[in-house]
Amino acid sequence: MVEHMVLLKFSPSTTNEQKEEVIHRTLLLKEQIPGIVDIQQGFNFSSRSQGFEMGLTVRFEDKSSLENYGPHPAHQAVFNFLKEIGLVDLIIVDFVIN
């Protein structure tokens, strides 16, 4: 299995409602994209986040499933929404689960 981790930082103008909508849309991807085993997403509550406000983990069956995820139209729609509402920065880490 493969774990895909993402940290998101937003513009100060991004509303909490928009951030909640990101979570809603992201969680729906499990039913829309083959190879996703699990998705978790939520708001940071730690002071150690260096300004990153939201975390996301997506567990995939294998590397091939992760490779198909990026260009998938449902994922691209969520990513485009992120850009529309003021995504400022993100960090992505992918690793194989042993």
Protein backbone atom coordinates (compact mmCIF):
# COMPACT_ATOMS: atom_id res chain seq x y z
CA MET A 1 0.00 0.00 0.00
CA VAL A 2 0.95 3.62 -0.51
CA GLU A 3 0.29 6.59 1.79
CA HIS A 4 -0.17 10.05 0.23
CA MET A 5 0.10 12.92 2.72
CA VAL A 6 -0.73 16.56 1.93
CA LEU A 7 -0.51 19.70 4.06
CA LEU A 8 -2.48 22.75 2.88
CA LYS A 9 -2.00 26.46 3.56
CA PHE A 10 -4.68 28.97 2.56
CA SER A 11 -4.95 32.69 1.97
CA PRO A 12 -6.34 34.74 4.88
CA SER A 13 -9.34 35.47 2.65
CA THR A 14 -10.32 31.78 2.43
CA THR A 15 -13.42 31.22 4.57
CA ASN A 16 -14.08 28.36 6.96
CA GLU A 17 -17.08 27.41 4.81
CA GLN A 18 -14.79 27.05 1.79
CA LYS A 19 -12.36 24.92 3.80
CA GLU A 20 -15.23 22.71 4.99
CA GLU A 21 -16.29 22.32 1.35
CA VAL A 22 -12.76 21.15 0.49
CA ILE A 23 -13.08 18.39 3.08
CA HIS A 24 -16.52 17.40 1.79
CA ARG A 25 -15.34 17.22 -1.84
CA THR A 26 -12.15 15.38 -0.95
CA LEU A 27 -13.87 12.67 1.06
CA LEU A 28 -16.13 11.93 -1.92
CA LEU A 29 -13.09 10.96 -3.99
CA LYS A 30 -13.04 7.53 -2.32
CA GLU A 31 -16.18 6.61 -4.27
CA GLN A 32 -15.01 8.26 -7.48
CA ILE A 33 -11.41 7.12 -7.99
CA PRO A 34 -10.39 3.45 -8.18
CA GLY A 35 -7.62 2.23 -5.91
CA ILE A 36 -8.33 4.47 -2.92
CA VAL A 37 -8.48 2.42 0.28
CA ASP A 38 -9.08 5.30 2.71
CA ILE A 39 -9.16 9.11 2.94
CA GLN A 40 -8.84 11.22 6.07
CA GLN A 41 -8.78 15.00 6.21
CA GLY A 42 -9.10 17.59 8.92
CA PHE A 43 -8.07 20.93 10.40
CA ASN A 44 -4.77 21.35 12.19
CA PHE A 45 -4.98 22.15 15.91
CA SER A 46 -1.25 22.21 16.65
CA SER A 47 0.95 25.29 16.96
CA ARG A 48 3.74 23.32 15.23
CA SER A 49 2.20 23.46 11.74
CA GLN A 50 4.20 26.42 10.36
CA GLY A 51 0.97 27.94 9.04
CA PHE A 52 -0.38 24.82 7.34
CA GLU A 53 -4.05 24.65 8.26
CA MET A 54 -5.26 21.30 6.98
CA GLY A 55 -3.92 17.79 6.62
CA LEU A 56 -4.95 15.04 4.22
CA THR A 57 -3.98 11.39 3.98
CA VAL A 58 -5.02 9.09 1.16
CA ARG A 59 -4.17 5.39 1.29
CA PHE A 60 -3.89 3.63 -2.07
CA GLU A 61 -3.74 -0.03 -3.01
CA ASP A 62 -0.44 0.51 -4.86
CA LYS A 63 1.76 3.03 -6.68
CA SER A 64 -0.23 2.62 -9.87
CA SER A 65 -3.38 3.77 -8.07
CA LEU A 66 -1.54 6.87 -6.83
CA GLU A 67 -0.31 7.60 -10.35
CA ASN A 68 -3.88 7.40 -11.68
CA TYR A 69 -5.17 9.66 -8.88
CA GLY A 70 -3.30 12.84 -9.89
CA PRO A 71 -4.72 13.29 -13.39
CA HIS A 72 -8.16 11.84 -12.58
CA PRO A 73 -10.90 14.41 -13.45
CA ALA A 74 -12.48 14.16 -9.96
CA HIS A 75 -9.14 14.93 -8.28
CA GLN A 76 -8.45 17.74 -10.74
CA ALA A 77 -11.85 19.29 -9.90
CA VAL A 78 -10.95 19.35 -6.19
CA PHE A 79 -7.50 20.77 -6.93
CA ASN A 80 -9.00 23.49 -9.13
CA PHE A 81 -11.42 24.39 -6.33
CA LEU A 82 -8.46 24.67 -3.93
CA LYS A 83 -6.78 27.14 -6.28
CA GLU A 84 -10.02 29.11 -6.69
CA ILE A 85 -10.50 29.59 -2.94
CA GLY A 86 -6.93 30.67 -2.22
CA LEU A 87 -4.53 27.76 -1.82
CA VAL A 88 -1.18 29.39 -1.01
CA ASP A 89 1.13 26.42 -0.49
CA LEU A 90 1.16 22.66 -0.06
CA ILE A 91 3.55 19.91 0.94
CA ILE A 92 3.17 16.40 -0.43
CA VAL A 93 4.85 13.24 0.85
CA ASP A 94 4.27 9.78 -0.63
CA PHE A 95 5.63 6.56 0.85
CA VAL A 96 5.16 2.81 0.68
CA ILE A 97 3.64 1.21 3.77
CA ASN A 98 5.59 -1.90 4.77
